[in-house]
Amino acid sequence: MKKVYVFLADGFEDVEALIPVDVLRRGGLDVTTVSVADDSLIVESAHGVQVVADANIDECDFDDADLLVLPGGMPGASNLYACGEVREAVLVQNADGKKIAAICAAPAVVLAQLGVLDGRKATCYPGFEQMLTKATYTGDLVTVDGNITTGEGPAAAFPFAYELLSQLAGEQVSHDVAEGMRFLHLMER
């Protein structure tokens, strides 16, 4: 079973974290939410929703990660970047050529500042693209370049999640989950 870690920092964008968790779990993946809050499993979203993470970052070893997911939101993305363990995990994951996904502000605030997007195509929340100084900004809802998947913002959370599920579990599984969640019906309108 594919292993996914979703980092949660205080100020994360609710749907950018929880929609991928929901979709990936429906697709049969092993998803662990990881608090980067100091010694607490409780993380508060940008909109005041408190979420109890599965694990604290100090308890995790990301060697088994097939995918690391970085939700956006502010100050969530800045709080992710401020966490040394997140920066290290992302750099090791990228050096190993393993999958990394970031959405909204996280591609710019975390991945670009770490150099992970250098020479790549990426998208992010409008207004943060000036931070993609060594990447090509696409402005698309979802952009895939090699092992890196980026998403534009909250409205991209479902397409972003289905793309990740497709990469890890196959297009048919992603299609079936999207159909079961009535996403495909929504897109036909």
C-alpha atoms as a PDB file:
ATOM      1  CA  MET A   1       0.000   0.000   0.000  1.00  0.00           C
ATOM      2  CA  LYS A   2       1.332   3.429  -0.955  1.00  0.00           C
ATOM      3  CA  LYS A   3       2.312   5.674   1.971  1.00  0.00           C
ATOM      4  CA  VAL A   4       1.394   9.385   2.035  1.00  0.00           C
ATOM      5  CA  TYR A   5       2.236  12.026   4.628  1.00  0.00           C
ATOM      6  CA  VAL A   6       0.240  15.270   4.739  1.00  0.00           C
ATOM      7  CA  PHE A   7       1.905  18.027   6.768  1.00  0.00           C
ATOM      8  CA  LEU A   8      -0.360  20.231   8.898  1.00  0.00           C
ATOM      9  CA  ALA A   9       0.927  23.536  10.277  1.00  0.00           C
ATOM     10  CA  ASP A  10      -1.095  26.133  12.134  1.00  0.00           C
ATOM     11  CA  GLY A  11      -2.807  28.317   9.531  1.00  0.00           C
ATOM     12  CA  PHE A  12      -3.188  25.590   6.859  1.00  0.00           C
ATOM     13  CA  GLU A  13      -5.957  26.010   4.270  1.00  0.00           C
ATOM     14  CA  ASP A  14      -8.706  23.613   5.330  1.00  0.00           C
ATOM     15  CA  VAL A  15      -9.791  22.161   1.977  1.00  0.00           C
ATOM     16  CA  GLU A  16      -6.265  21.958   0.576  1.00  0.00           C
ATOM     17  CA  ALA A  17      -5.338  19.571   3.379  1.00  0.00           C
ATOM     18  CA  LEU A  18      -8.519  17.670   4.083  1.00  0.00           C
ATOM     19  CA  ILE A  19      -9.779  17.041   0.531  1.00  0.00           C
ATOM     20  CA  PRO A  20      -6.539  15.259  -0.457  1.00  0.00           C
ATOM     21  CA  VAL A  21      -6.617  13.266   2.803  1.00  0.00           C
ATOM     22  CA  ASP A  22     -10.222  12.222   2.126  1.00  0.00           C
ATOM     23  CA  VAL A  23      -9.723  11.397  -1.566  1.00  0.00           C
ATOM     24  CA  LEU A  24      -6.486   9.474  -1.041  1.00  0.00           C
ATOM     25  CA  ARG A  25      -7.957   7.432   1.815  1.00  0.00           C
ATOM     26  CA  ARG A  26     -11.053   6.635  -0.259  1.00  0.00           C
ATOM     27  CA  GLY A  27      -8.622   5.375  -2.894  1.00  0.00           C
ATOM     28  CA  GLY A  28      -7.105   2.924  -0.438  1.00  0.00           C
ATOM     29  CA  LEU A  29      -3.859   4.732   0.326  1.00  0.00           C
ATOM     30  CA  ASP A  30      -2.218   4.825   3.753  1.00  0.00           C
ATOM     31  CA  VAL A  31      -2.397   8.536   4.655  1.00  0.00           C
ATOM     32  CA  THR A  32      -0.891   9.961   7.832  1.00  0.00           C
ATOM     33  CA  THR A  33      -1.567  13.560   8.823  1.00  0.00           C
ATOM     34  CA  VAL A  34       1.485  15.053  10.514  1.00  0.00           C
ATOM     35  CA  SER A  35       1.373  17.955  12.955  1.00  0.00           C
ATOM     36  CA  VAL A  36       4.313  20.322  12.803  1.00  0.00           C
ATOM     37  CA  ALA A  37       2.941  22.188  15.854  1.00  0.00           C
ATOM     38  CA  ASP A  38       5.196  22.047  18.896  1.00  0.00           C
ATOM     39  CA  ASP A  39       4.446  18.860  20.829  1.00  0.00           C
ATOM     40  CA  SER A  40       0.759  18.932  19.919  1.00  0.00           C
ATOM     41  CA  LEU A  41      -1.402  16.828  17.660  1.00  0.00           C
ATOM     42  CA  ILE A  42      -3.969  19.637  17.502  1.00  0.00           C
ATOM     43  CA  VAL A  43      -3.457  21.956  14.547  1.00  0.00           C
ATOM     44  CA  GLU A  44      -5.617  24.979  13.806  1.00  0.00           C
ATOM     45  CA  SER A  45      -6.516  25.838  10.221  1.00  0.00           C
ATOM     46  CA  ALA A  46      -6.533  29.298   8.683  1.00  0.00           C
ATOM     47  CA  HIS A  47     -10.273  29.391   9.368  1.00  0.00           C
ATOM     48  CA  GLY A  48     -10.173  28.298  13.009  1.00  0.00           C
ATOM     49  CA  VAL A  49     -10.965  24.607  12.512  1.00  0.00           C
ATOM     50  CA  GLN A  50      -9.010  22.424  14.905  1.00  0.00           C
ATOM     51  CA  VAL A  51      -7.819  19.111  13.510  1.00  0.00           C
ATOM     52  CA  VAL A  52      -6.225  16.285  15.453  1.00  0.00           C
ATOM     53  CA  ALA A  53      -3.318  14.962  13.410  1.00  0.00           C
ATOM     54  CA  ASP A  54      -2.397  11.276  13.327  1.00  0.00           C
ATOM     55  CA  ALA A  55       1.184  11.922  14.434  1.00  0.00           C
ATOM     56  CA  ASN A  56       3.602  14.644  15.462  1.00  0.00           C
ATOM     57  CA  ILE A  57       6.527  15.283  13.147  1.00  0.00           C
ATOM     58  CA  ASP A  58       9.003  14.234  15.859  1.00  0.00           C
ATOM     59  CA  GLU A  59       7.469  10.734  15.766  1.00  0.00           C
ATOM     60  CA  CYS A  60       7.792  10.257  12.006  1.00  0.00           C
ATOM     61  CA  ASP A  61      10.408   8.797   9.725  1.00  0.00           C
ATOM     62  CA  PHE A  62       9.635   9.660   6.125  1.00  0.00           C
ATOM     63  CA  ASP A  63      11.860   7.005   4.502  1.00  0.00           C
ATOM     64  CA  ASP A  64       8.752   5.005   3.559  1.00  0.00           C
ATOM     65  CA  ALA A  65       6.984   7.991   1.966  1.00  0.00           C
ATOM     66  CA  ASP A  66       5.701   7.540  -1.557  1.00  0.00           C
ATOM     67  CA  LEU A  67       4.305  11.085  -1.426  1.00  0.00           C
ATOM     68  CA  LEU A  68       4.677  14.155   0.777  1.00  0.00           C
ATOM     69  CA  VAL A  69       1.808  16.685   0.605  1.00  0.00           C
ATOM     70  CA  LEU A  70       2.146  20.331   1.621  1.00  0.00           C
ATOM     71  CA  PRO A  71      -1.140  22.246   1.903  1.00  0.00           C
ATOM     72  CA  GLY A  72      -1.121  25.998   1.458  1.00  0.00           C
ATOM     73  CA  GLY A  73      -2.843  28.716   3.380  1.00  0.00           C
ATOM     74  CA  MET A  74      -1.246  31.505   5.313  1.00  0.00           C
ATOM     75  CA  PRO A  75       0.438  31.478   7.641  1.00  0.00           C
ATOM     76  CA  GLY A  76       0.337  27.696   7.164  1.00  0.00           C
ATOM     77  CA  ALA A  77       2.809  27.620   4.284  1.00  0.00           C
ATOM     78  CA  SER A  78       5.215  29.911   6.154  1.00  0.00           C
ATOM     79  CA  ASN A  79       4.906  27.698   9.216  1.00  0.00           C
ATOM     80  CA  LEU A  80       5.752  24.646   7.092  1.00  0.00           C
ATOM     81  CA  TYR A  81       8.862  26.375   5.770  1.00  0.00           C
ATOM     82  CA  ALA A  82       9.877  27.390   9.294  1.00  0.00           C
ATOM     83  CA  CYS A  83       9.922  23.712  10.334  1.00  0.00           C
ATOM     84  CA  GLY A  84      13.374  22.221   9.812  1.00  0.00           C
ATOM     85  CA  GLU A  85      12.033  18.662   9.740  1.00  0.00           C
ATOM     86  CA  VAL A  86       9.661  19.561   6.875  1.00  0.00           C
ATOM     87  CA  ARG A  87      12.468  21.219   4.899  1.00  0.00           C
ATOM     88  CA  GLU A  88      14.730  18.201   5.410  1.00  0.00           C
ATOM     89  CA  ALA A  89      12.005  15.695   4.480  1.00  0.00           C
ATOM     90  CA  VAL A  90      11.193  17.591   1.275  1.00  0.00           C
ATOM     91  CA  LEU A  91      14.846  17.858   0.241  1.00  0.00           C
ATOM     92  CA  VAL A  92      15.508  14.152   0.873  1.00  0.00           C
ATOM     93  CA  GLN A  93      12.281  13.136  -0.917  1.00  0.00           C
ATOM     94  CA  ASN A  94      13.261  15.243  -3.930  1.00  0.00           C
ATOM     95  CA  ALA A  95      16.865  13.986  -3.963  1.00  0.00           C
ATOM     96  CA  ASP A  96      15.465  10.444  -4.058  1.00  0.00           C
ATOM     97  CA  GLY A  97      13.189  11.381  -6.993  1.00  0.00           C
ATOM     98  CA  LYS A  98      10.095  10.553  -4.940  1.00  0.00           C
ATOM     99  CA  LYS A  99       6.776  12.372  -5.218  1.00  0.00           C
ATOM    100  CA  ILE A 100       6.086  15.758  -3.610  1.00  0.00           C
ATOM    101  CA  ALA A 101       2.869  17.736  -3.909  1.00  0.00           C
ATOM    102  CA  ALA A 102       2.195  21.314  -2.812  1.00  0.00           C
ATOM    103  CA  ILE A 103      -0.793  23.583  -3.327  1.00  0.00           C
ATOM    104  CA  CYS A 104      -1.664  27.292  -3.069  1.00  0.00           C
ATOM    105  CA  ALA A 105       1.128  29.233  -1.328  1.00  0.00           C
ATOM    106  CA  ALA A 106       3.192  26.118  -0.481  1.00  0.00           C
ATOM    107  CA  PRO A 107       4.796  25.673  -3.935  1.00  0.00           C
ATOM    108  CA  ALA A 108       6.237  29.203  -3.716  1.00  0.00           C
ATOM    109  CA  VAL A 109       6.799  29.574   0.016  1.00  0.00           C
ATOM    110  CA  VAL A 110       8.270  26.103   0.584  1.00  0.00           C
ATOM    111  CA  LEU A 111       9.312  24.362  -2.636  1.00  0.00           C
ATOM    112  CA  ALA A 112      10.665  27.387  -4.513  1.00  0.00           C
ATOM    113  CA  GLN A 113      12.638  28.625  -1.510  1.00  0.00           C
ATOM    114  CA  LEU A 114      14.196  25.166  -1.159  1.00  0.00           C
ATOM    115  CA  GLY A 115      15.193  25.134  -4.851  1.00  0.00           C
ATOM    116  CA  VAL A 116      12.960  22.119  -5.555  1.00  0.00           C
ATOM    117  CA  LEU A 117      11.180  23.967  -8.389  1.00  0.00           C
ATOM    118  CA  ASP A 118      14.338  25.225 -10.123  1.00  0.00           C
ATOM    119  CA  GLY A 119      13.988  24.607 -13.858  1.00  0.00           C
ATOM    120  CA  ARG A 120      10.501  23.131 -13.497  1.00  0.00           C
ATOM    121  CA  LYS A 121       6.952  24.103 -14.392  1.00  0.00           C
ATOM    122  CA  ALA A 122       4.693  24.880 -11.432  1.00  0.00           C
ATOM    123  CA  THR A 123       1.530  26.632 -10.387  1.00  0.00           C
ATOM    124  CA  CYS A 124       0.579  28.380  -7.163  1.00  0.00           C
ATOM    125  CA  TYR A 125      -1.913  30.845  -5.753  1.00  0.00           C
ATOM    126  CA  PRO A 126      -1.961  34.052  -7.843  1.00  0.00           C
ATOM    127  CA  GLY A 127       0.239  36.670  -6.233  1.00  0.00           C
ATOM    128  CA  PHE A 128       2.851  34.156  -5.095  1.00  0.00           C
ATOM    129  CA  GLU A 129       4.159  33.466  -8.612  1.00  0.00           C
ATOM    130  CA  GLN A 130       6.830  36.172  -8.216  1.00  0.00           C
ATOM    131  CA  MET A 131       8.534  33.767  -5.781  1.00  0.00           C
ATOM    132  CA  LEU A 132       8.886  31.186  -8.571  1.00  0.00           C
ATOM    133  CA  THR A 133      11.980  32.984  -9.870  1.00  0.00           C
ATOM    134  CA  LYS A 134      13.677  29.821 -11.166  1.00  0.00           C
ATOM    135  CA  ALA A 135      10.498  28.003 -12.261  1.00  0.00           C
ATOM    136  CA  THR A 136       8.052  28.478 -15.120  1.00  0.00           C
ATOM    137  CA  TYR A 137       4.683  29.564 -13.742  1.00  0.00           C
ATOM    138  CA  THR A 138       1.778  27.894 -15.574  1.00  0.00           C
ATOM    139  CA  GLY A 139      -1.263  29.401 -13.867  1.00  0.00           C
ATOM    140  CA  ASP A 140      -3.033  26.042 -14.325  1.00  0.00           C
ATOM    141  CA  LEU A 141      -5.222  24.419 -11.666  1.00  0.00           C
ATOM    142  CA  VAL A 142      -2.742  21.536 -11.427  1.00  0.00           C
ATOM    143  CA  THR A 143       0.733  21.189 -12.901  1.00  0.00           C
ATOM    144  CA  VAL A 144       2.831  18.013 -12.938  1.00  0.00           C
ATOM    145  CA  ASP A 145       6.553  18.172 -13.708  1.00  0.00           C
ATOM    146  CA  GLY A 146       8.406  14.956 -13.000  1.00  0.00           C
ATOM    147  CA  ASN A 147       8.030  14.001  -9.353  1.00  0.00           C
ATOM    148  CA  ILE A 148       6.496  17.380  -8.409  1.00  0.00           C
ATOM    149  CA  THR A 149       2.767  18.158  -8.499  1.00  0.00           C
ATOM    150  CA  THR A 150       1.557  21.664  -7.709  1.00  0.00           C
ATOM    151  CA  GLY A 151      -1.947  23.078  -7.332  1.00  0.00           C
ATOM    152  CA  GLU A 152      -3.256  26.612  -7.669  1.00  0.00           C
ATOM    153  CA  GLY A 153      -5.498  27.083  -4.640  1.00  0.00           C
ATOM    154  CA  PRO A 154      -8.625  25.994  -2.770  1.00  0.00           C
ATOM    155  CA  ALA A 155     -10.757  25.435  -5.897  1.00  0.00           C
ATOM    156  CA  ALA A 156      -8.041  23.130  -7.246  1.00  0.00           C
ATOM    157  CA  ALA A 157      -8.136  20.847  -4.187  1.00  0.00           C
ATOM    158  CA  PHE A 158     -10.313  18.176  -5.844  1.00  0.00           C
ATOM    159  CA  PRO A 159      -8.460  18.053  -9.209  1.00  0.00           C
ATOM    160  CA  PHE A 160      -5.164  18.132  -7.266  1.00  0.00           C
ATOM    161  CA  ALA A 161      -6.251  15.208  -5.068  1.00  0.00           C
ATOM    162  CA  TYR A 162      -7.535  13.127  -7.997  1.00  0.00           C
ATOM    163  CA  GLU A 163      -4.258  13.701  -9.865  1.00  0.00           C
ATOM    164  CA  LEU A 164      -2.304  12.456  -6.845  1.00  0.00           C
ATOM    165  CA  LEU A 165      -4.573   9.425  -6.512  1.00  0.00           C
ATOM    166  CA  SER A 166      -4.140   8.671 -10.209  1.00  0.00           C
ATOM    167  CA  GLN A 167      -0.356   8.802  -9.837  1.00  0.00           C
ATOM    168  CA  LEU A 168      -0.302   6.434  -6.860  1.00  0.00           C
ATOM    169  CA  ALA A 169      -3.251   4.102  -7.418  1.00  0.00           C
ATOM    170  CA  GLY A 170      -3.934   4.391 -11.152  1.00  0.00           C
ATOM    171  CA  GLU A 171      -6.364   6.264 -13.352  1.00  0.00           C
ATOM    172  CA  GLN A 172      -9.197   3.767 -12.878  1.00  0.00           C
ATOM    173  CA  VAL A 173      -9.127   4.054  -9.087  1.00  0.00           C
ATOM    174  CA  SER A 174      -9.037   7.840  -9.342  1.00  0.00           C
ATOM    175  CA  HIS A 175     -11.930   7.799 -11.816  1.00  0.00           C
ATOM    176  CA  ASP A 176     -13.984   5.506  -9.595  1.00  0.00           C
ATOM    177  CA  VAL A 177     -13.425   7.656  -6.503  1.00  0.00           C
ATOM    178  CA  ALA A 178     -14.247  10.820  -8.453  1.00  0.00           C
ATOM    179  CA  GLU A 179     -17.423   9.220  -9.772  1.00  0.00           C
ATOM    180  CA  GLY A 180     -18.439   7.993  -6.335  1.00  0.00           C
ATOM    181  CA  MET A 181     -17.935  11.479  -4.904  1.00  0.00           C
ATOM    182  CA  ARG A 182     -20.030  12.929  -7.783  1.00  0.00           C
ATOM    183  CA  PHE A 183     -17.120  15.072  -8.961  1.00  0.00           C
ATOM    184  CA  LEU A 184     -17.418  13.846 -12.556  1.00  0.00           C
ATOM    185  CA  HIS A 185     -21.129  14.708 -12.509  1.00  0.00           C
ATOM    186  CA  LEU A 186     -20.230  18.210 -11.328  1.00  0.00           C
ATOM    187  CA  MET A 187     -17.743  18.631 -14.179  1.00  0.00           C
ATOM    188  CA  GLU A 188     -20.416  17.651 -16.761  1.00  0.00           C
ATOM    189  CA  ARG A 189     -22.563  20.663 -15.882  1.00  0.00           C
END
